[in-house]
Amino acid sequence: MRRSEIARLDWKYIDIECGTAYLPKTKNGSARTVPLSPAAQWLLSSNGLLSSLEGGIKEGQVFGMSATAITTAMTRATTKAGIDDLIFHDLRHEAISRLFEMGFDSMEVAEISGYKTIQLLKRYTHLRPVRLVERLAAAKP
C-alpha cells in the first residue's frame, strides 16, 4: 500500500475474516480492496496490534499517524540503523518485486498494488538476477 493509504487506513475497512482492507480513497482515484498478508492479518487481529489497544477499541485510524509522520519515523529509523538512501516508497518497490518473484502474475500484482497499467507496474518492478537464475535452474528446460 502507498504511504497515504496506510495513514488513512480505518478500522471500519478492515475485514479480518476475509483478510482484506478496503481503500476508498487512493492516489489514482480508484477504490480497491487489498488482500492482507498473514503477518498483516495477525498484526491487525486480536493477537496483534488490537491486543495493545486500550479496551480493544477498533474505531478510527488504525495507526493514528499522518503520511508525514510515517516519513519522519522512517527517516529516524534509517538514520538510527545507519542506512543511507532508503525511503518509505522504496518498500513499495521492494514488495512489488518480491510478489513477482513469488510467482504472482502481472494482473495480480497490479490489483494488489493499485497500478492501472502494466507499463507503470513494470517501471516499479526490480527483479533480482540471482533469483531469476534460481528459477531457471528449478525449471530445468
Protein backbone atom coordinates (compact mmCIF):
# COMPACT_ATOMS: atom_id res chain seq x y z
CA MET A 1 0.00 0.00 0.00
CA ARG A 2 1.03 3.59 -0.50
CA ARG A 3 2.08 5.68 2.47
CA SER A 4 -1.06 7.83 2.26
CA GLU A 5 -3.26 4.72 2.08
CA ILE A 6 -1.62 3.30 5.19
CA ALA A 7 -2.04 6.61 7.01
CA ARG A 8 -5.76 6.76 6.14
CA LEU A 9 -6.44 3.10 6.88
CA ASP A 10 -9.54 2.96 9.08
CA TRP A 11 -10.70 0.09 11.26
CA LYS A 12 -14.13 0.10 9.63
CA TYR A 13 -12.50 -1.01 6.37
CA ILE A 14 -10.55 -3.94 7.83
CA ASP A 15 -12.13 -7.37 7.38
CA ILE A 16 -10.01 -9.82 9.34
CA GLU A 17 -12.28 -12.77 8.47
CA CYS A 18 -11.80 -12.18 4.73
CA GLY A 19 -8.21 -10.99 5.17
CA THR A 20 -8.75 -7.71 3.33
CA ALA A 21 -8.59 -3.95 3.72
CA TYR A 22 -10.83 -1.70 1.65
CA LEU A 23 -9.26 1.55 0.44
CA PRO A 24 -12.00 4.01 -0.54
CA LYS A 25 -9.51 6.76 -1.46
CA THR A 26 -6.33 6.04 -3.39
CA LYS A 27 -3.73 8.07 -5.27
CA ASN A 28 -5.10 7.04 -8.67
CA GLY A 29 -8.70 7.76 -7.65
CA SER A 30 -9.90 4.16 -7.83
CA ALA A 31 -11.07 2.49 -4.65
CA ARG A 32 -9.72 -1.03 -4.18
CA THR A 33 -9.73 -3.95 -1.78
CA VAL A 34 -6.28 -5.14 -0.79
CA PRO A 35 -5.52 -8.68 0.37
CA LEU A 36 -3.65 -8.68 3.67
CA SER A 37 -0.62 -10.88 4.19
CA PRO A 38 -0.77 -13.38 7.05
CA ALA A 39 1.60 -11.11 9.01
CA ALA A 40 -0.68 -8.10 8.46
CA GLN A 41 -3.72 -10.16 9.43
CA TRP A 42 -2.01 -11.19 12.66
CA LEU A 43 -0.90 -7.63 13.40
CA LEU A 44 -4.43 -6.33 12.94
CA SER A 45 -6.07 -9.23 14.79
CA SER A 46 -6.86 -9.55 18.47
CA ASN A 47 -3.50 -11.27 18.94
CA GLY A 48 -1.52 -8.43 17.41
CA LEU A 49 -1.98 -4.68 17.42
CA LEU A 50 -5.54 -4.88 18.66
CA SER A 51 -4.43 -6.53 21.89
CA SER A 52 -2.37 -3.43 22.70
CA LEU A 53 -5.33 -1.10 22.23
CA GLU A 54 -6.95 0.11 25.40
CA GLY A 55 -10.20 -1.77 25.78
CA GLY A 56 -9.81 -3.34 22.33
CA ILE A 57 -11.44 -0.33 20.67
CA LYS A 58 -11.45 -0.59 16.88
CA GLU A 59 -12.54 2.84 15.69
CA GLY A 60 -10.84 5.49 13.61
CA GLN A 61 -7.42 5.26 12.03
CA VAL A 62 -5.57 2.00 12.50
CA PHE A 63 -2.13 3.51 13.02
CA GLY A 64 -3.01 7.05 14.10
CA MET A 65 -0.20 8.57 12.02
CA SER A 66 -0.24 11.04 9.17
CA ALA A 67 1.69 10.36 5.98
CA THR A 68 4.24 12.95 7.11
CA ALA A 69 4.62 11.21 10.48
CA ILE A 70 5.29 7.92 8.69
CA THR A 71 8.05 9.58 6.66
CA THR A 72 9.53 11.12 9.80
CA ALA A 73 9.51 7.76 11.59
CA MET A 74 11.14 6.09 8.58
CA THR A 75 13.85 8.76 8.43
CA ARG A 76 14.52 8.35 12.15
CA ALA A 77 14.71 4.55 11.84
CA THR A 78 17.05 4.54 8.84
CA THR A 79 19.31 7.13 10.46
CA LYS A 80 19.46 5.11 13.68
CA ALA A 81 20.22 1.94 11.70
CA GLY A 82 22.89 3.70 9.64
CA ILE A 83 21.06 3.08 6.38
CA ASP A 84 21.58 5.70 3.70
CA ASP A 85 19.39 6.33 0.67
CA LEU A 86 16.28 4.40 1.73
CA ILE A 87 12.85 6.00 1.74
CA PHE A 88 9.44 4.59 2.63
CA HIS A 89 8.40 4.38 -1.03
CA ASP A 90 11.34 2.02 -1.67
CA LEU A 91 9.49 -0.55 0.45
CA ARG A 92 6.64 -0.48 -2.06
CA HIS A 93 9.04 -1.14 -4.94
CA GLU A 94 10.56 -4.00 -2.97
CA ALA A 95 7.19 -5.57 -2.16
CA ILE A 96 6.06 -5.40 -5.79
CA SER A 97 9.29 -7.00 -6.99
CA ARG A 98 9.06 -9.78 -4.41
CA LEU A 99 5.42 -10.54 -5.35
CA PHE A 100 6.60 -11.23 -8.89
CA GLU A 101 9.43 -13.39 -7.60
CA MET A 102 6.89 -15.36 -5.53
CA GLY A 103 5.06 -16.21 -8.75
CA PHE A 104 2.20 -13.70 -8.77
CA ASP A 105 1.28 -12.64 -12.30
CA SER A 106 1.06 -9.07 -13.62
CA MET A 107 -2.69 -8.79 -13.17
CA GLU A 108 -2.50 -9.98 -9.57
CA VAL A 109 0.32 -7.60 -8.67
CA ALA A 110 -1.46 -4.72 -10.40
CA GLU A 111 -4.60 -5.49 -8.40
CA ILE A 112 -2.71 -5.67 -5.11
CA SER A 113 -0.59 -2.57 -5.73
CA GLY A 114 -3.22 -0.41 -7.39
CA TYR A 115 -1.38 0.29 -10.62
CA LYS A 116 -3.75 0.79 -13.55
CA THR A 117 -1.28 -0.05 -16.30
CA ILE A 118 1.21 -2.86 -16.69
CA GLN A 119 3.72 -0.36 -18.11
CA LEU A 120 3.72 1.65 -14.89
CA LEU A 121 3.88 -1.54 -12.84
CA LYS A 122 6.92 -2.61 -14.85
CA ARG A 123 8.66 0.66 -14.01
CA TYR A 124 8.32 -0.10 -10.31
CA THR A 125 9.49 -3.71 -10.54
CA HIS A 126 13.13 -4.59 -9.84
CA LEU A 127 13.75 -8.30 -10.07
CA ARG A 128 16.93 -9.76 -8.62
CA PRO A 129 19.01 -11.51 -11.31
CA VAL A 130 20.15 -14.15 -8.80
CA ARG A 131 16.50 -15.08 -8.16
CA LEU A 132 15.94 -15.44 -11.91
CA VAL A 133 18.95 -17.78 -12.08
CA GLU A 134 17.41 -19.88 -9.29
CA ARG A 135 14.08 -20.07 -11.13
CA LEU A 136 15.76 -21.03 -14.39
CA ALA A 137 17.68 -23.78 -12.61
CA ALA A 138 14.49 -25.05 -10.98
CA ALA A 139 12.65 -25.05 -14.35
CA LYS A 140 15.26 -27.36 -15.94
CA PRO A 141 14.30 -26.55 -19.56
